[in-house]
């Protein structure tokens, strides 16, 4: 039994070290050391295993349980970015936003149109658009001719600017910004779709053949690392747009990045994560794999107050779930 406890202690210390390394994504960019960003993908598994081992020490009547429990305080915010139980604000909402990767309407164009029309949102931000959707009472931004990111709104669009334009081959990231007048005040909406990893299920599904599985893991890592580095370049462009904005901003879309990643830390810097503020339950938004993946977000300037945040799992109109949030705007 002592040997088992020693093995578990070493394992627990190792997991603690890896979890602490994920926090370094706030400081270390992928071009310097991409492996910290790789760890952020495994955060849910790491943190669950970490707490299971704490329960083991508690049931073993070992004081080290309290040491590990104390260390877990460092991961409260990282956990809240995945699972949260914040109380909804009681303030009245005056803006509703839907952000949704529609996967080119592959799951049904008419169904997507009916769903969006039923939401009666003020602003709709789509990713992987590729379709001339027709929504009631919503006009499409003229800057979205590339049909990968698209913005629709009830309100007056003052200015549209493309921030990142992909080429459909190597560089597949897209982002644009739209300055919109709402109740006499201008807000900047940045709709983004960061470089996808272009995985297919067969590429990540392990079959039990050790040699083939090892090669699959190597191929996955080879695809992840270069994409992390491309994300760093794309994040810098978007951060510049946020920093130069004379207006309060909304940043939303498919980040192709998980919480506690380099992308998350730097895109959310100085902004509110609407899910962390008022979300409840799981923020997982990509359902094509069984592994929990939150890659869709809505961030806002501090002056904008989130009221409600929902990942709508009642519909499967894409490999993503729609993300819906309401806000109270600064008076």
C-alpha atoms as a PDB file:
ATOM      1  CA  UNK A   1       0.000   0.000   0.000  1.00  0.00           C
ATOM      2  CA  UNK A   2       2.886   2.361   0.718  1.00  0.00           C
ATOM      3  CA  UNK A   3       4.187   1.840  -2.827  1.00  0.00           C
ATOM      4  CA  UNK A   4       0.740   2.616  -4.254  1.00  0.00           C
ATOM      5  CA  UNK A   5       0.539   5.804  -2.184  1.00  0.00           C
ATOM      6  CA  UNK A   6       4.022   6.811  -3.304  1.00  0.00           C
ATOM      7  CA  UNK A   7       3.057   6.298  -6.954  1.00  0.00           C
ATOM      8  CA  UNK A   8      -0.124   8.338  -6.435  1.00  0.00           C
ATOM      9  CA  UNK A   9       1.836  11.087  -4.690  1.00  0.00           C
ATOM     10  CA  UNK A  10       4.303  11.349  -7.581  1.00  0.00           C
ATOM     11  CA  UNK A  11       1.391  11.306 -10.028  1.00  0.00           C
ATOM     12  CA  UNK A  12      -0.440  14.013  -8.075  1.00  0.00           C
ATOM     13  CA  UNK A  13       2.637  16.246  -7.952  1.00  0.00           C
ATOM     14  CA  UNK A  14       3.166  15.725 -11.669  1.00  0.00           C
ATOM     15  CA  UNK A  15      -0.424  16.735 -12.472  1.00  0.00           C
ATOM     16  CA  UNK A  16      -0.102  19.791 -10.225  1.00  0.00           C
ATOM     17  CA  UNK A  17       3.015  20.790 -12.151  1.00  0.00           C
ATOM     18  CA  UNK A  18       1.240  20.385 -15.517  1.00  0.00           C
ATOM     19  CA  UNK A  19      -1.758  22.395 -14.325  1.00  0.00           C
ATOM     20  CA  UNK A  20       0.539  25.190 -13.178  1.00  0.00           C
ATOM     21  CA  UNK A  21       2.181  25.104 -16.605  1.00  0.00           C
ATOM     22  CA  UNK A  22      -1.178  25.852 -18.253  1.00  0.00           C
ATOM     23  CA  UNK A  23      -1.210  29.161 -16.356  1.00  0.00           C
ATOM     24  CA  UNK A  24       1.985  30.132 -18.178  1.00  0.00           C
ATOM     25  CA  UNK A  25      -0.012  30.534 -21.383  1.00  0.00           C
ATOM     26  CA  UNK A  26      -0.758  34.028 -20.099  1.00  0.00           C
ATOM     27  CA  UNK A  27       2.941  34.869 -20.469  1.00  0.00           C
ATOM     28  CA  UNK A  28       4.629  32.476 -22.913  1.00  0.00           C
ATOM     29  CA  UNK A  29       3.601  32.722 -26.605  1.00  0.00           C
ATOM     30  CA  UNK A  30       3.441  29.612 -28.808  1.00  0.00           C
ATOM     31  CA  UNK A  31       6.322  30.797 -30.983  1.00  0.00           C
ATOM     32  CA  UNK A  32       8.544  30.714 -27.897  1.00  0.00           C
ATOM     33  CA  UNK A  33       7.243  27.460 -26.356  1.00  0.00           C
ATOM     34  CA  UNK A  34       4.045  25.920 -27.789  1.00  0.00           C
ATOM     35  CA  UNK A  35       3.830  22.980 -25.384  1.00  0.00           C
ATOM     36  CA  UNK A  36       2.122  24.999 -22.638  1.00  0.00           C
ATOM     37  CA  UNK A  37      -0.684  25.688 -25.105  1.00  0.00           C
ATOM     38  CA  UNK A  38      -0.922  21.978 -25.843  1.00  0.00           C
ATOM     39  CA  UNK A  39      -1.530  21.362 -22.132  1.00  0.00           C
ATOM     40  CA  UNK A  40      -4.564  23.657 -22.155  1.00  0.00           C
ATOM     41  CA  UNK A  41      -6.368  21.090 -24.333  1.00  0.00           C
ATOM     42  CA  UNK A  42      -5.976  18.506 -21.595  1.00  0.00           C
ATOM     43  CA  UNK A  43      -7.029  20.792 -18.743  1.00  0.00           C
ATOM     44  CA  UNK A  44     -10.423  19.079 -18.103  1.00  0.00           C
ATOM     45  CA  UNK A  45      -8.793  15.644 -17.783  1.00  0.00           C
ATOM     46  CA  UNK A  46      -5.951  16.990 -15.646  1.00  0.00           C
ATOM     47  CA  UNK A  47      -8.199  18.856 -13.215  1.00  0.00           C
ATOM     48  CA  UNK A  48     -10.639  15.944 -12.833  1.00  0.00           C
ATOM     49  CA  UNK A  49      -7.769  13.550 -12.108  1.00  0.00           C
ATOM     50  CA  UNK A  50      -6.296  16.089  -9.686  1.00  0.00           C
ATOM     51  CA  UNK A  51      -9.500  16.212  -7.604  1.00  0.00           C
ATOM     52  CA  UNK A  52      -9.992  12.447  -7.716  1.00  0.00           C
ATOM     53  CA  UNK A  53      -6.569  12.083  -6.143  1.00  0.00           C
ATOM     54  CA  UNK A  54      -7.528  14.636  -3.471  1.00  0.00           C
ATOM     55  CA  UNK A  55     -10.512  12.433  -2.597  1.00  0.00           C
ATOM     56  CA  UNK A  56      -8.153   9.467  -2.420  1.00  0.00           C
ATOM     57  CA  UNK A  57      -5.988  11.277   0.140  1.00  0.00           C
ATOM     58  CA  UNK A  58      -9.060  12.331   2.125  1.00  0.00           C
ATOM     59  CA  UNK A  59     -10.329   8.760   2.323  1.00  0.00           C
ATOM     60  CA  UNK A  60      -6.800   7.635   3.220  1.00  0.00           C
ATOM     61  CA  UNK A  61      -6.759  10.147   6.090  1.00  0.00           C
ATOM     62  CA  UNK A  62      -3.661  11.873   4.769  1.00  0.00           C
ATOM     63  CA  UNK A  63      -2.972  15.516   5.659  1.00  0.00           C
ATOM     64  CA  UNK A  64      -1.496  16.079   2.201  1.00  0.00           C
ATOM     65  CA  UNK A  65      -5.114  16.245   0.973  1.00  0.00           C
ATOM     66  CA  UNK A  66      -5.364  19.721   2.509  1.00  0.00           C
ATOM     67  CA  UNK A  67      -2.107  20.796   0.847  1.00  0.00           C
ATOM     68  CA  UNK A  68      -3.373  19.759  -2.580  1.00  0.00           C
ATOM     69  CA  UNK A  69      -6.779  21.275  -1.820  1.00  0.00           C
ATOM     70  CA  UNK A  70      -5.116  24.580  -0.948  1.00  0.00           C
ATOM     71  CA  UNK A  71      -3.114  24.473  -4.195  1.00  0.00           C
ATOM     72  CA  UNK A  72      -6.344  23.956  -6.131  1.00  0.00           C
ATOM     73  CA  UNK A  73      -7.345  27.549  -5.301  1.00  0.00           C
ATOM     74  CA  UNK A  74      -4.976  28.602  -8.111  1.00  0.00           C
ATOM     75  CA  UNK A  75      -7.300  26.861 -10.574  1.00  0.00           C
ATOM     76  CA  UNK A  76     -10.666  28.332  -9.546  1.00  0.00           C
ATOM     77  CA  UNK A  77     -10.782  30.832 -12.416  1.00  0.00           C
ATOM     78  CA  UNK A  78      -9.450  28.318 -14.986  1.00  0.00           C
ATOM     79  CA  UNK A  79     -12.215  25.921 -13.894  1.00  0.00           C
ATOM     80  CA  UNK A  80     -14.881  28.655 -14.152  1.00  0.00           C
ATOM     81  CA  UNK A  81     -13.948  29.135 -17.794  1.00  0.00           C
ATOM     82  CA  UNK A  82     -15.160  25.576 -18.437  1.00  0.00           C
ATOM     83  CA  UNK A  83     -17.879  25.075 -15.792  1.00  0.00           C
ATOM     84  CA  UNK A  84     -19.541  27.929 -13.951  1.00  0.00           C
ATOM     85  CA  UNK A  85     -22.498  28.621 -11.682  1.00  0.00           C
ATOM     86  CA  UNK A  86     -22.667  32.402 -11.539  1.00  0.00           C
ATOM     87  CA  UNK A  87     -25.995  34.008 -10.710  1.00  0.00           C
ATOM     88  CA  UNK A  88     -27.753  35.691 -13.582  1.00  0.00           C
ATOM     89  CA  UNK A  89     -27.970  39.451 -13.350  1.00  0.00           C
ATOM     90  CA  UNK A  90     -31.365  40.874 -12.415  1.00  0.00           C
ATOM     91  CA  UNK A  91     -30.825  43.946 -14.571  1.00  0.00           C
ATOM     92  CA  UNK A  92     -32.964  44.414 -17.660  1.00  0.00           C
ATOM     93  CA  UNK A  93     -31.312  43.373 -20.919  1.00  0.00           C
ATOM     94  CA  UNK A  94     -31.346  45.716 -23.889  1.00  0.00           C
ATOM     95  CA  UNK A  95     -29.162  43.793 -26.350  1.00  0.00           C
ATOM     96  CA  UNK A  96     -29.262  40.171 -27.490  1.00  0.00           C
ATOM     97  CA  UNK A  97     -26.403  38.519 -29.396  1.00  0.00           C
ATOM     98  CA  UNK A  98     -26.185  35.129 -31.102  1.00  0.00           C
ATOM     99  CA  UNK A  99     -22.796  33.758 -32.149  1.00  0.00           C
ATOM    100  CA  UNK A 100     -22.935  30.551 -34.173  1.00  0.00           C
ATOM    101  CA  UNK A 101     -20.583  28.537 -36.366  1.00  0.00           C
ATOM    102  CA  UNK A 102     -23.111  27.199 -38.872  1.00  0.00           C
ATOM    103  CA  UNK A 103     -20.693  24.942 -40.787  1.00  0.00           C
ATOM    104  CA  UNK A 104     -21.784  26.285 -44.155  1.00  0.00           C
ATOM    105  CA  UNK A 105     -25.401  25.328 -43.562  1.00  0.00           C
ATOM    106  CA  UNK A 106     -24.578  21.635 -44.023  1.00  0.00           C
ATOM    107  CA  UNK A 107     -27.144  20.635 -41.400  1.00  0.00           C
ATOM    108  CA  UNK A 108     -29.950  22.548 -43.123  1.00  0.00           C
ATOM    109  CA  UNK A 109     -30.032  26.117 -44.412  1.00  0.00           C
ATOM    110  CA  UNK A 110     -33.742  26.636 -43.821  1.00  0.00           C
ATOM    111  CA  UNK A 111     -33.477  25.190 -40.317  1.00  0.00           C
ATOM    112  CA  UNK A 112     -30.717  27.664 -39.447  1.00  0.00           C
ATOM    113  CA  UNK A 113     -32.776  30.545 -40.828  1.00  0.00           C
ATOM    114  CA  UNK A 114     -35.826  29.490 -38.813  1.00  0.00           C
ATOM    115  CA  UNK A 115     -33.747  29.155 -35.661  1.00  0.00           C
ATOM    116  CA  UNK A 116     -32.100  32.577 -35.991  1.00  0.00           C
ATOM    117  CA  UNK A 117     -35.422  34.234 -36.851  1.00  0.00           C
ATOM    118  CA  UNK A 118     -36.957  32.736 -33.706  1.00  0.00           C
ATOM    119  CA  UNK A 119     -34.198  34.235 -31.525  1.00  0.00           C
ATOM    120  CA  UNK A 120     -35.162  37.830 -32.366  1.00  0.00           C
ATOM    121  CA  UNK A 121     -31.560  38.890 -31.708  1.00  0.00           C
ATOM    122  CA  UNK A 122     -30.155  42.382 -32.172  1.00  0.00           C
ATOM    123  CA  UNK A 123     -26.854  41.124 -33.575  1.00  0.00           C
ATOM    124  CA  UNK A 124     -26.041  37.736 -35.117  1.00  0.00           C
ATOM    125  CA  UNK A 125     -22.451  36.737 -35.770  1.00  0.00           C
ATOM    126  CA  UNK A 126     -21.914  33.667 -37.946  1.00  0.00           C
ATOM    127  CA  UNK A 127     -18.745  31.735 -38.676  1.00  0.00           C
ATOM    128  CA  UNK A 128     -18.162  29.283 -41.534  1.00  0.00           C
ATOM    129  CA  UNK A 129     -21.084  31.008 -43.197  1.00  0.00           C
ATOM    130  CA  UNK A 130     -20.693  30.279 -46.909  1.00  0.00           C
ATOM    131  CA  UNK A 131     -24.413  30.744 -47.534  1.00  0.00           C
ATOM    132  CA  UNK A 132     -26.578  33.735 -48.419  1.00  0.00           C
ATOM    133  CA  UNK A 133     -28.823  33.355 -45.393  1.00  0.00           C
ATOM    134  CA  UNK A 134     -32.002  35.390 -45.350  1.00  0.00           C
ATOM    135  CA  UNK A 135     -33.039  36.461 -41.858  1.00  0.00           C
ATOM    136  CA  UNK A 136     -36.114  38.513 -41.007  1.00  0.00           C
ATOM    137  CA  UNK A 137     -35.508  42.072 -39.747  1.00  0.00           C
ATOM    138  CA  UNK A 138     -31.728  41.644 -39.988  1.00  0.00           C
ATOM    139  CA  UNK A 139     -29.440  43.210 -42.560  1.00  0.00           C
ATOM    140  CA  UNK A 140     -26.089  41.789 -43.506  1.00  0.00           C
ATOM    141  CA  UNK A 141     -22.870  43.746 -43.191  1.00  0.00           C
ATOM    142  CA  UNK A 142     -21.507  44.704 -46.622  1.00  0.00           C
ATOM    143  CA  UNK A 143     -17.952  43.849 -45.565  1.00  0.00           C
ATOM    144  CA  UNK A 144     -18.776  40.163 -45.289  1.00  0.00           C
ATOM    145  CA  UNK A 145     -18.484  39.256 -48.963  1.00  0.00           C
ATOM    146  CA  UNK A 146     -15.967  36.540 -48.110  1.00  0.00           C
ATOM    147  CA  UNK A 147     -18.834  34.575 -46.526  1.00  0.00           C
ATOM    148  CA  UNK A 148     -16.761  32.963 -43.788  1.00  0.00           C
ATOM    149  CA  UNK A 149     -17.563  35.419 -41.020  1.00  0.00           C
ATOM    150  CA  UNK A 150     -20.842  37.291 -41.371  1.00  0.00           C
ATOM    151  CA  UNK A 151     -22.649  39.829 -39.214  1.00  0.00           C
ATOM    152  CA  UNK A 152     -26.369  40.598 -39.284  1.00  0.00           C
ATOM    153  CA  UNK A 153     -28.082  43.274 -37.235  1.00  0.00           C
ATOM    154  CA  UNK A 154     -31.257  45.294 -36.717  1.00  0.00           C
ATOM    155  CA  UNK A 155     -29.212  48.396 -36.066  1.00  0.00           C
ATOM    156  CA  UNK A 156     -27.340  50.918 -38.179  1.00  0.00           C
ATOM    157  CA  UNK A 157     -23.913  49.793 -39.391  1.00  0.00           C
ATOM    158  CA  UNK A 158     -21.622  52.810 -39.486  1.00  0.00           C
ATOM    159  CA  UNK A 159     -18.415  51.215 -40.724  1.00  0.00           C
ATOM    160  CA  UNK A 160     -17.147  47.770 -41.722  1.00  0.00           C
ATOM    161  CA  UNK A 161     -13.513  46.677 -41.898  1.00  0.00           C
ATOM    162  CA  UNK A 162     -11.939  43.332 -42.710  1.00  0.00           C
ATOM    163  CA  UNK A 163      -9.197  42.456 -40.217  1.00  0.00           C
ATOM    164  CA  UNK A 164      -8.029  39.027 -41.395  1.00  0.00           C
ATOM    165  CA  UNK A 165      -8.689  37.462 -44.787  1.00  0.00           C
ATOM    166  CA  UNK A 166      -7.795  33.845 -45.379  1.00  0.00           C
ATOM    167  CA  UNK A 167      -6.941  32.290 -48.714  1.00  0.00           C
ATOM    168  CA  UNK A 168      -8.941  29.029 -48.346  1.00  0.00           C
ATOM    169  CA  UNK A 169      -5.701  27.041 -48.514  1.00  0.00           C
ATOM    170  CA  UNK A 170      -2.917  27.425 -45.950  1.00  0.00           C
ATOM    171  CA  UNK A 171      -4.252  30.453 -44.115  1.00  0.00           C
ATOM    172  CA  UNK A 172      -7.893  29.948 -43.164  1.00  0.00           C
ATOM    173  CA  UNK A 173      -8.484  32.569 -40.493  1.00  0.00           C
ATOM    174  CA  UNK A 174     -11.020  35.358 -40.926  1.00  0.00           C
ATOM    175  CA  UNK A 175     -12.050  38.331 -38.813  1.00  0.00           C
ATOM    176  CA  UNK A 176     -13.836  41.593 -39.367  1.00  0.00           C
ATOM    177  CA  UNK A 177     -15.069  44.506 -37.312  1.00  0.00           C
ATOM    178  CA  UNK A 178     -18.325  46.391 -37.585  1.00  0.00           C
ATOM    179  CA  UNK A 179     -19.069  49.657 -35.821  1.00  0.00           C
ATOM    180  CA  UNK A 180     -22.786  49.673 -35.031  1.00  0.00           C
ATOM    181  CA  UNK A 181     -24.955  52.431 -33.604  1.00  0.00           C
ATOM    182  CA  UNK A 182     -27.274  51.188 -30.868  1.00  0.00           C
ATOM    183  CA  UNK A 183     -29.503  53.628 -28.991  1.00  0.00           C
ATOM    184  CA  UNK A 184     -27.401  56.588 -30.036  1.00  0.00           C
ATOM    185  CA  UNK A 185     -24.063  55.046 -29.034  1.00  0.00           C
ATOM    186  CA  UNK A 186     -21.495  53.238 -31.178  1.00  0.00           C
ATOM    187  CA  UNK A 187     -20.159  49.768 -30.373  1.00  0.00           C
ATOM    188  CA  UNK A 188     -17.505  47.773 -32.185  1.00  0.00           C
ATOM    189  CA  UNK A 189     -18.265  44.129 -32.941  1.00  0.00           C
ATOM    190  CA  UNK A 190     -15.323  41.895 -33.847  1.00  0.00           C
ATOM    191  CA  UNK A 191     -16.386  38.595 -35.386  1.00  0.00           C
ATOM    192  CA  UNK A 192     -13.574  36.070 -35.687  1.00  0.00           C
ATOM    193  CA  UNK A 193     -12.780  32.604 -36.900  1.00  0.00           C
ATOM    194  CA  UNK A 194      -9.220  31.657 -35.990  1.00  0.00           C
ATOM    195  CA  UNK A 195      -7.196  29.162 -37.994  1.00  0.00           C
ATOM    196  CA  UNK A 196      -8.908  25.749 -37.817  1.00  0.00           C
ATOM    197  CA  UNK A 197      -6.954  22.583 -37.075  1.00  0.00           C
ATOM    198  CA  UNK A 198      -8.755  20.714 -39.876  1.00  0.00           C
ATOM    199  CA  UNK A 199      -9.110  17.482 -37.966  1.00  0.00           C
ATOM    200  CA  UNK A 200     -11.300  14.618 -39.039  1.00  0.00           C
ATOM    201  CA  UNK A 201     -12.510  11.994 -36.573  1.00  0.00           C
ATOM    202  CA  UNK A 202     -10.447   9.244 -38.159  1.00  0.00           C
ATOM    203  CA  UNK A 203      -7.313  11.338 -37.573  1.00  0.00           C
ATOM    204  CA  UNK A 204      -7.788  11.426 -33.790  1.00  0.00           C
ATOM    205  CA  UNK A 205      -9.558   8.115 -33.146  1.00  0.00           C
ATOM    206  CA  UNK A 206      -7.196   5.568 -31.595  1.00  0.00           C
ATOM    207  CA  UNK A 207      -7.749   1.991 -32.775  1.00  0.00           C
ATOM    208  CA  UNK A 208      -5.694   0.029 -30.253  1.00  0.00           C
ATOM    209  CA  UNK A 209      -2.861  -0.647 -32.674  1.00  0.00           C
ATOM    210  CA  UNK A 210       0.153   0.767 -30.840  1.00  0.00           C
ATOM    211  CA  UNK A 211       2.179   1.687 -33.927  1.00  0.00           C
ATOM    212  CA  UNK A 212      -0.738   3.287 -35.754  1.00  0.00           C
ATOM    213  CA  UNK A 213      -1.886   5.101 -32.628  1.00  0.00           C
ATOM    214  CA  UNK A 214       1.601   6.511 -32.018  1.00  0.00           C
ATOM    215  CA  UNK A 215       1.708   7.803 -35.575  1.00  0.00           C
ATOM    216  CA  UNK A 216      -1.743   9.368 -35.189  1.00  0.00           C
ATOM    217  CA  UNK A 217      -0.627  11.175 -32.029  1.00  0.00           C
ATOM    218  CA  UNK A 218       2.478  12.444 -33.806  1.00  0.00           C
ATOM    219  CA  UNK A 219       0.379  13.659 -36.727  1.00  0.00           C
ATOM    220  CA  UNK A 220      -1.995  15.471 -34.364  1.00  0.00           C
ATOM    221  CA  UNK A 221       0.868  17.241 -32.604  1.00  0.00           C
ATOM    222  CA  UNK A 222       2.420  18.185 -35.961  1.00  0.00           C
ATOM    223  CA  UNK A 223      -0.865  19.852 -36.888  1.00  0.00           C
ATOM    224  CA  UNK A 224      -1.436  21.515 -33.507  1.00  0.00           C
ATOM    225  CA  UNK A 225       1.915  23.249 -33.043  1.00  0.00           C
ATOM    226  CA  UNK A 226       1.999  25.200 -36.361  1.00  0.00           C
ATOM    227  CA  UNK A 227      -1.641  26.219 -35.834  1.00  0.00           C
ATOM    228  CA  UNK A 228      -0.857  27.564 -32.366  1.00  0.00           C
ATOM    229  CA  UNK A 229       1.846  29.735 -33.937  1.00  0.00           C
ATOM    230  CA  UNK A 230      -0.547  31.015 -36.600  1.00  0.00           C
ATOM    231  CA  UNK A 231      -3.036  31.816 -33.854  1.00  0.00           C
ATOM    232  CA  UNK A 232      -0.436  33.982 -32.159  1.00  0.00           C
ATOM    233  CA  UNK A 233      -0.147  36.125 -35.310  1.00  0.00           C
ATOM    234  CA  UNK A 234      -3.920  36.351 -35.659  1.00  0.00           C
ATOM    235  CA  UNK A 235      -4.399  37.262 -31.998  1.00  0.00           C
ATOM    236  CA  UNK A 236      -1.941  40.131 -32.398  1.00  0.00           C
ATOM    237  CA  UNK A 237      -4.018  41.584 -35.256  1.00  0.00           C
ATOM    238  CA  UNK A 238      -7.240  41.327 -33.280  1.00  0.00           C
ATOM    239  CA  UNK A 239      -5.669  42.730 -30.111  1.00  0.00           C
ATOM    240  CA  UNK A 240      -4.523  45.748 -32.111  1.00  0.00           C
ATOM    241  CA  UNK A 241      -8.089  46.332 -33.295  1.00  0.00           C
ATOM    242  CA  UNK A 242      -9.390  46.044 -29.741  1.00  0.00           C
ATOM    243  CA  UNK A 243      -6.723  48.395 -28.373  1.00  0.00           C
ATOM    244  CA  UNK A 244      -7.350  51.028 -31.046  1.00  0.00           C
ATOM    245  CA  UNK A 245     -11.126  50.959 -30.733  1.00  0.00           C
ATOM    246  CA  UNK A 246     -12.613  54.311 -29.673  1.00  0.00           C
ATOM    247  CA  UNK A 247     -15.806  52.427 -28.756  1.00  0.00           C
ATOM    248  CA  UNK A 248     -16.785  49.669 -26.323  1.00  0.00           C
ATOM    249  CA  UNK A 249     -16.181  46.317 -27.987  1.00  0.00           C
ATOM    250  CA  UNK A 250     -17.767  42.911 -28.365  1.00  0.00           C
ATOM    251  CA  UNK A 251     -15.411  40.118 -29.435  1.00  0.00           C
ATOM    252  CA  UNK A 252     -17.184  36.933 -30.431  1.00  0.00           C
ATOM    253  CA  UNK A 253     -16.873  33.898 -32.631  1.00  0.00           C
ATOM    254  CA  UNK A 254     -15.170  30.567 -33.096  1.00  0.00           C
ATOM    255  CA  UNK A 255     -11.715  30.937 -31.560  1.00  0.00           C
ATOM    256  CA  UNK A 256     -10.674  27.343 -32.320  1.00  0.00           C
ATOM    257  CA  UNK A 257      -9.005  27.582 -28.926  1.00  0.00           C
ATOM    258  CA  UNK A 258      -9.921  26.293 -25.483  1.00  0.00           C
ATOM    259  CA  UNK A 259     -10.037  28.193 -22.181  1.00  0.00           C
ATOM    260  CA  UNK A 260      -6.686  28.779 -20.455  1.00  0.00           C
ATOM    261  CA  UNK A 261      -4.888  28.748 -23.798  1.00  0.00           C
ATOM    262  CA  UNK A 262      -2.621  31.519 -25.047  1.00  0.00           C
ATOM    263  CA  UNK A 263      -5.426  32.647 -27.346  1.00  0.00           C
ATOM    264  CA  UNK A 264      -7.932  32.830 -24.506  1.00  0.00           C
ATOM    265  CA  UNK A 265      -5.675  34.771 -22.150  1.00  0.00           C
ATOM    266  CA  UNK A 266      -4.669  37.353 -24.723  1.00  0.00           C
ATOM    267  CA  UNK A 267      -7.994  37.857 -26.491  1.00  0.00           C
ATOM    268  CA  UNK A 268      -9.820  38.240 -23.170  1.00  0.00           C
ATOM    269  CA  UNK A 269      -7.238  40.602 -21.688  1.00  0.00           C
ATOM    270  CA  UNK A 270      -9.046  43.664 -20.340  1.00  0.00           C
ATOM    271  CA  UNK A 271     -12.428  42.233 -21.369  1.00  0.00           C
ATOM    272  CA  UNK A 272     -15.224  40.299 -19.660  1.00  0.00           C
ATOM    273  CA  UNK A 273     -15.957  36.691 -20.540  1.00  0.00           C
ATOM    274  CA  UNK A 274     -19.766  36.659 -20.581  1.00  0.00           C
ATOM    275  CA  UNK A 275     -19.844  32.999 -19.526  1.00  0.00           C
ATOM    276  CA  UNK A 276     -17.595  33.605 -16.509  1.00  0.00           C
ATOM    277  CA  UNK A 277     -19.759  36.563 -15.526  1.00  0.00           C
ATOM    278  CA  UNK A 278     -23.235  35.007 -15.767  1.00  0.00           C
ATOM    279  CA  UNK A 279     -22.934  31.513 -17.246  1.00  0.00           C
ATOM    280  CA  UNK A 280     -24.272  28.378 -15.595  1.00  0.00           C
ATOM    281  CA  UNK A 281     -23.274  24.769 -16.227  1.00  0.00           C
ATOM    282  CA  UNK A 282     -20.883  23.692 -18.949  1.00  0.00           C
ATOM    283  CA  UNK A 283     -19.619  26.083 -21.631  1.00  0.00           C
ATOM    284  CA  UNK A 284     -18.767  23.246 -24.033  1.00  0.00           C
ATOM    285  CA  UNK A 285     -19.841  24.466 -27.473  1.00  0.00           C
ATOM    286  CA  UNK A 286     -18.286  21.989 -29.937  1.00  0.00           C
ATOM    287  CA  UNK A 287     -19.998  18.604 -29.849  1.00  0.00           C
ATOM    288  CA  UNK A 288     -18.495  16.663 -32.743  1.00  0.00           C
ATOM    289  CA  UNK A 289     -16.128  14.851 -30.361  1.00  0.00           C
ATOM    290  CA  UNK A 290     -16.956  13.285 -27.016  1.00  0.00           C
ATOM    291  CA  UNK A 291     -14.163  15.284 -25.395  1.00  0.00           C
ATOM    292  CA  UNK A 292     -15.473  18.572 -23.877  1.00  0.00           C
ATOM    293  CA  UNK A 293     -14.409  21.510 -26.039  1.00  0.00           C
ATOM    294  CA  UNK A 294     -15.320  25.120 -25.473  1.00  0.00           C
ATOM    295  CA  UNK A 295     -14.119  27.111 -28.477  1.00  0.00           C
ATOM    296  CA  UNK A 296     -16.939  29.669 -28.948  1.00  0.00           C
ATOM    297  CA  UNK A 297     -16.903  32.847 -26.864  1.00  0.00           C
ATOM    298  CA  UNK A 298     -18.372  36.299 -26.318  1.00  0.00           C
ATOM    299  CA  UNK A 299     -16.117  38.885 -24.655  1.00  0.00           C
ATOM    300  CA  UNK A 300     -17.063  42.489 -23.923  1.00  0.00           C
ATOM    301  CA  UNK A 301     -15.624  45.748 -22.682  1.00  0.00           C
ATOM    302  CA  UNK A 302     -15.963  46.269 -18.889  1.00  0.00           C
ATOM    303  CA  UNK A 303     -18.638  48.946 -19.384  1.00  0.00           C
ATOM    304  CA  UNK A 304     -21.001  46.361 -20.906  1.00  0.00           C
ATOM    305  CA  UNK A 305     -22.858  44.255 -18.354  1.00  0.00           C
ATOM    306  CA  UNK A 306     -23.677  40.622 -19.252  1.00  0.00           C
ATOM    307  CA  UNK A 307     -27.146  39.561 -18.115  1.00  0.00           C
ATOM    308  CA  UNK A 308     -27.465  36.004 -19.389  1.00  0.00           C
ATOM    309  CA  UNK A 309     -25.302  33.459 -21.236  1.00  0.00           C
ATOM    310  CA  UNK A 310     -26.514  30.232 -22.780  1.00  0.00           C
ATOM    311  CA  UNK A 311     -25.050  27.466 -24.909  1.00  0.00           C
ATOM    312  CA  UNK A 312     -28.164  26.191 -26.652  1.00  0.00           C
ATOM    313  CA  UNK A 313     -27.883  22.403 -26.691  1.00  0.00           C
ATOM    314  CA  UNK A 314     -31.503  21.968 -27.732  1.00  0.00           C
ATOM    315  CA  UNK A 315     -30.564  22.145 -31.424  1.00  0.00           C
ATOM    316  CA  UNK A 316     -27.981  20.384 -33.583  1.00  0.00           C
ATOM    317  CA  UNK A 317     -27.786  22.560 -36.653  1.00  0.00           C
ATOM    318  CA  UNK A 318     -23.996  22.364 -36.876  1.00  0.00           C
ATOM    319  CA  UNK A 319     -21.067  20.670 -35.156  1.00  0.00           C
ATOM    320  CA  UNK A 320     -21.207  23.708 -32.843  1.00  0.00           C
ATOM    321  CA  UNK A 321     -23.975  24.753 -30.486  1.00  0.00           C
ATOM    322  CA  UNK A 322     -25.247  28.344 -30.802  1.00  0.00           C
ATOM    323  CA  UNK A 323     -24.051  30.721 -28.091  1.00  0.00           C
ATOM    324  CA  UNK A 324     -26.642  33.263 -26.940  1.00  0.00           C
ATOM    325  CA  UNK A 325     -26.060  36.159 -24.562  1.00  0.00           C
ATOM    326  CA  UNK A 326     -27.922  39.263 -23.432  1.00  0.00           C
ATOM    327  CA  UNK A 327     -26.440  42.494 -22.138  1.00  0.00           C
ATOM    328  CA  UNK A 328     -27.244  45.747 -20.430  1.00  0.00           C
ATOM    329  CA  UNK A 329     -25.509  48.624 -22.191  1.00  0.00           C
ATOM    330  CA  UNK A 330     -23.938  51.539 -20.394  1.00  0.00           C
ATOM    331  CA  UNK A 331     -26.401  54.400 -20.012  1.00  0.00           C
END
